[in-house]
C-alpha atoms as a PDB file:
ATOM      1  CA  UNK A   1     -51.596   2.904  32.985  1.00  0.00           C
ATOM      2  CA  UNK A   2     -48.514   2.009  34.721  1.00  0.00           C
ATOM      3  CA  UNK A   3     -48.581  -1.441  33.498  1.00  0.00           C
ATOM      4  CA  UNK A   4     -49.017  -0.133  29.921  1.00  0.00           C
ATOM      5  CA  UNK A   5     -45.972   2.011  30.315  1.00  0.00           C
ATOM      6  CA  UNK A   6     -43.950  -0.939  31.863  1.00  0.00           C
ATOM      7  CA  UNK A   7     -45.091  -3.370  29.101  1.00  0.00           C
ATOM      8  CA  UNK A   8     -44.292  -0.691  26.531  1.00  0.00           C
ATOM      9  CA  UNK A   9     -40.592  -0.195  28.138  1.00  0.00           C
ATOM     10  CA  UNK A  10     -40.452  -3.830  28.050  1.00  0.00           C
ATOM     11  CA  UNK A  11     -41.301  -4.370  24.440  1.00  0.00           C
ATOM     12  CA  UNK A  12     -38.528  -1.561  23.595  1.00  0.00           C
ATOM     13  CA  UNK A  13     -35.973  -3.341  25.615  1.00  0.00           C
ATOM     14  CA  UNK A  14     -36.345  -6.637  23.994  1.00  0.00           C
ATOM     15  CA  UNK A  15     -36.394  -4.877  20.627  1.00  0.00           C
ATOM     16  CA  UNK A  16     -33.050  -2.995  21.586  1.00  0.00           C
ATOM     17  CA  UNK A  17     -31.530  -6.391  22.707  1.00  0.00           C
ATOM     18  CA  UNK A  18     -32.662  -8.227  19.499  1.00  0.00           C
ATOM     19  CA  UNK A  19     -31.018  -5.291  17.294  1.00  0.00           C
ATOM     20  CA  UNK A  20     -27.801  -5.476  19.562  1.00  0.00           C
ATOM     21  CA  UNK A  21     -27.430  -9.155  19.100  1.00  0.00           C
ATOM     22  CA  UNK A  22     -28.071  -8.849  15.306  1.00  0.00           C
ATOM     23  CA  UNK A  23     -25.525  -6.144  15.020  1.00  0.00           C
ATOM     24  CA  UNK A  24     -22.957  -8.234  16.981  1.00  0.00           C
ATOM     25  CA  UNK A  25     -23.783 -11.253  14.744  1.00  0.00           C
ATOM     26  CA  UNK A  26     -23.075  -9.349  11.370  1.00  0.00           C
ATOM     27  CA  UNK A  27     -19.903  -7.731  13.061  1.00  0.00           C
ATOM     28  CA  UNK A  28     -18.645 -11.123  13.641  1.00  0.00           C
ATOM     29  CA  UNK A  29     -19.608 -12.307  10.091  1.00  0.00           C
ATOM     30  CA  UNK A  30     -17.928  -9.254   8.820  1.00  0.00           C
ATOM     31  CA  UNK A  31     -14.621  -9.567  10.626  1.00  0.00           C
ATOM     32  CA  UNK A  32     -14.381 -13.475   9.807  1.00  0.00           C
ATOM     33  CA  UNK A  33     -15.021 -12.650   6.057  1.00  0.00           C
ATOM     34  CA  UNK A  34     -12.582  -9.792   6.182  1.00  0.00           C
ATOM     35  CA  UNK A  35      -9.957 -10.905   8.562  1.00  0.00           C
ATOM     36  CA  UNK A  36      -7.191 -10.819   5.813  1.00  0.00           C
ATOM     37  CA  UNK A  37      -8.261  -7.436   4.435  1.00  0.00           C
ATOM     38  CA  UNK A  38      -6.258  -4.495   5.673  1.00  0.00           C
ATOM     39  CA  UNK A  39      -7.656  -1.184   6.019  1.00  0.00           C
ATOM     40  CA  UNK A  40      -7.496   1.443   3.202  1.00  0.00           C
ATOM     41  CA  UNK A  41      -4.923   3.791   5.116  1.00  0.00           C
ATOM     42  CA  UNK A  42      -2.612   0.785   5.479  1.00  0.00           C
ATOM     43  CA  UNK A  43      -3.316  -0.256   1.813  1.00  0.00           C
ATOM     44  CA  UNK A  44      -2.417   3.492   0.747  1.00  0.00           C
ATOM     45  CA  UNK A  45       0.784   3.399   2.779  1.00  0.00           C
ATOM     46  CA  UNK A  46       1.841   0.353   0.936  1.00  0.00           C
ATOM     47  CA  UNK A  47       1.206   1.708  -2.395  1.00  0.00           C
ATOM     48  CA  UNK A  48       3.110   5.078  -1.402  1.00  0.00           C
ATOM     49  CA  UNK A  49       5.925   2.913  -0.199  1.00  0.00           C
ATOM     50  CA  UNK A  50       6.145   0.820  -3.156  1.00  0.00           C
ATOM     51  CA  UNK A  51       5.798   3.912  -5.522  1.00  0.00           C
ATOM     52  CA  UNK A  52       8.765   5.604  -3.639  1.00  0.00           C
ATOM     53  CA  UNK A  53      10.851   2.402  -3.694  1.00  0.00           C
ATOM     54  CA  UNK A  54      10.344   2.053  -7.563  1.00  0.00           C
ATOM     55  CA  UNK A  55      11.160   5.712  -8.148  1.00  0.00           C
ATOM     56  CA  UNK A  56      14.272   5.557  -6.081  1.00  0.00           C
ATOM     57  CA  UNK A  57      15.212   2.498  -7.922  1.00  0.00           C
ATOM     58  CA  UNK A  58      14.633   4.009 -11.305  1.00  0.00           C
ATOM     59  CA  UNK A  59      16.752   6.919 -10.335  1.00  0.00           C
ATOM     60  CA  UNK A  60      19.739   4.726  -9.238  1.00  0.00           C
ATOM     61  CA  UNK A  61      19.345   2.765 -12.406  1.00  0.00           C
ATOM     62  CA  UNK A  62      19.492   6.015 -14.506  1.00  0.00           C
ATOM     63  CA  UNK A  63      22.536   7.198 -12.388  1.00  0.00           C
ATOM     64  CA  UNK A  64      24.331   3.804 -13.169  1.00  0.00           C
ATOM     65  CA  UNK A  65      23.552   4.064 -16.924  1.00  0.00           C
ATOM     66  CA  UNK A  66      24.785   7.596 -16.909  1.00  0.00           C
ATOM     67  CA  UNK A  67      28.066   6.449 -15.418  1.00  0.00           C
ATOM     68  CA  UNK A  68      28.184   3.575 -17.798  1.00  0.00           C
ATOM     69  CA  UNK A  69      27.914   5.625 -20.839  1.00  0.00           C
ATOM     70  CA  UNK A  70      30.350   8.119 -19.701  1.00  0.00           C
ATOM     71  CA  UNK A  71      32.840   5.468 -18.784  1.00  0.00           C
ATOM     72  CA  UNK A  72      32.227   3.788 -22.097  1.00  0.00           C
ATOM     73  CA  UNK A  73      32.709   6.962 -24.089  1.00  0.00           C
ATOM     74  CA  UNK A  74      35.914   7.811 -22.235  1.00  0.00           C
ATOM     75  CA  UNK A  75      37.247   4.415 -22.811  1.00  0.00           C
ATOM     76  CA  UNK A  76      36.601   4.525 -26.446  1.00  0.00           C
ATOM     77  CA  UNK A  77      38.057   7.907 -26.696  1.00  0.00           C
ATOM     78  CA  UNK A  78      41.105   6.900 -24.878  1.00  0.00           C
ATOM     79  CA  UNK A  79      41.343   3.687 -27.138  1.00  0.00           C
ATOM     80  CA  UNK A  80      41.026   5.737 -30.265  1.00  0.00           C
ATOM     81  CA  UNK A  81      43.644   7.929 -29.277  1.00  0.00           C
ATOM     82  CA  UNK A  82      46.085   5.279 -28.207  1.00  0.00           C
ATOM     83  CA  UNK A  83      45.201   3.372 -31.651  1.00  0.00           C
ATOM     84  CA  UNK A  84      45.893   6.715 -33.679  1.00  0.00           C
ATOM     85  CA  UNK A  85      49.090   7.404 -31.653  1.00  0.00           C
ATOM     86  CA  UNK A  86      50.486   4.017 -32.618  1.00  0.00           C
ATOM     87  CA  UNK A  87      49.921   4.761 -36.099  1.00  0.00           C
ATOM     88  CA  UNK A  88      51.795   7.757 -36.142  1.00  0.00           C
END
Protein backbone atom coordinates (compact mmCIF):
# COMPACT_ATOMS: atom_id res chain seq x y z
CA UNK A 1 0.00 0.00 0.00
CA UNK A 2 2.82 2.38 0.90
CA UNK A 3 4.59 1.61 -2.35
CA UNK A 4 1.41 2.44 -4.24
CA UNK A 5 1.15 5.82 -2.48
CA UNK A 6 4.85 6.52 -3.09
CA UNK A 7 4.45 5.57 -6.76
CA UNK A 8 1.41 7.84 -7.04
CA UNK A 9 3.37 10.75 -5.49
CA UNK A 10 6.26 10.06 -7.84
CA UNK A 11 3.98 10.13 -10.91
CA UNK A 12 2.33 13.35 -9.73
CA UNK A 13 5.75 14.92 -9.07
CA UNK A 14 6.99 14.03 -12.58
CA UNK A 15 3.84 15.42 -14.19
CA UNK A 16 4.18 18.61 -12.19
CA UNK A 17 7.81 19.01 -13.27
CA UNK A 18 6.86 18.47 -16.93
CA UNK A 19 4.10 21.06 -16.68
CA UNK A 20 6.46 23.58 -15.07
CA UNK A 21 9.12 23.08 -17.73
CA UNK A 22 6.49 23.46 -20.46
CA UNK A 23 5.28 26.69 -18.85
CA UNK A 24 8.83 28.01 -18.63
CA UNK A 25 9.52 27.16 -22.28
CA UNK A 26 6.33 28.87 -23.43
CA UNK A 27 7.08 31.93 -21.32
CA UNK A 28 10.54 32.18 -22.87
CA UNK A 29 9.05 31.87 -26.36
CA UNK A 30 6.49 34.55 -25.56
CA UNK A 31 9.08 36.96 -24.14
CA UNK A 32 11.41 36.40 -27.09
CA UNK A 33 8.60 37.05 -29.58
CA UNK A 34 7.26 40.06 -27.71
CA UNK A 35 10.41 41.59 -26.27
CA UNK A 36 9.79 44.83 -28.18
CA UNK A 37 6.12 45.03 -27.24
CA UNK A 38 5.15 47.37 -24.48
CA UNK A 39 2.53 46.79 -21.87
CA UNK A 40 -0.92 48.20 -22.42
CA UNK A 41 -0.55 50.78 -19.65
CA UNK A 42 2.68 52.10 -21.17
CA UNK A 43 0.98 52.31 -24.57
CA UNK A 44 -1.98 54.15 -23.08
CA UNK A 45 0.32 56.61 -21.32
CA UNK A 46 2.11 57.37 -24.60
CA UNK A 47 -1.17 57.84 -26.46
CA UNK A 48 -2.53 60.14 -23.74
CA UNK A 49 0.69 62.17 -23.76
CA UNK A 50 0.52 62.48 -27.55
CA UNK A 51 -3.10 63.64 -27.36
CA UNK A 52 -2.21 66.17 -24.67
CA UNK A 53 0.72 67.49 -26.71
CA UNK A 54 -1.40 67.77 -29.84
CA UNK A 55 -4.16 69.59 -27.99
CA UNK A 56 -1.63 72.03 -26.50
CA UNK A 57 -0.14 72.63 -29.95
CA UNK A 58 -3.59 73.30 -31.41
CA UNK A 59 -4.35 75.80 -28.63
CA UNK A 60 -1.05 77.58 -29.21
CA UNK A 61 -1.68 77.67 -32.94
CA UNK A 62 -5.19 79.09 -32.43
CA UNK A 63 -3.82 81.80 -30.13
CA UNK A 64 -1.15 82.65 -32.68
CA UNK A 65 -3.75 82.89 -35.45
CA UNK A 66 -5.95 85.16 -33.29
CA UNK A 67 -3.02 87.44 -32.58
CA UNK A 68 -2.02 87.50 -36.24
CA UNK A 69 -5.55 88.30 -37.40
CA UNK A 70 -5.97 91.00 -34.77
CA UNK A 71 -2.66 92.59 -35.63
CA UNK A 72 -3.44 92.37 -39.34
CA UNK A 73 -6.84 93.99 -38.85
CA UNK A 74 -5.33 96.78 -36.73
CA UNK A 75 -2.60 97.34 -39.30
CA UNK A 76 -5.14 97.53 -42.14
CA UNK A 77 -7.29 99.91 -40.14
CA UNK A 78 -4.29 102.09 -39.31
CA UNK A 79 -3.15 101.96 -42.92
CA UNK A 80 -6.60 102.95 -44.20
CA UNK A 81 -6.78 105.86 -41.80
CA UNK A 82 -3.40 107.11 -42.80
CA UNK A 83 -4.25 106.92 -46.52
CA UNK A 84 -7.59 108.61 -45.91
CA UNK A 85 -5.84 111.32 -43.95
CA UNK A 86 -3.40 111.92 -46.80
CA UNK A 87 -6.27 112.46 -49.26
CA UNK A 88 -7.79 115.23 -47.13
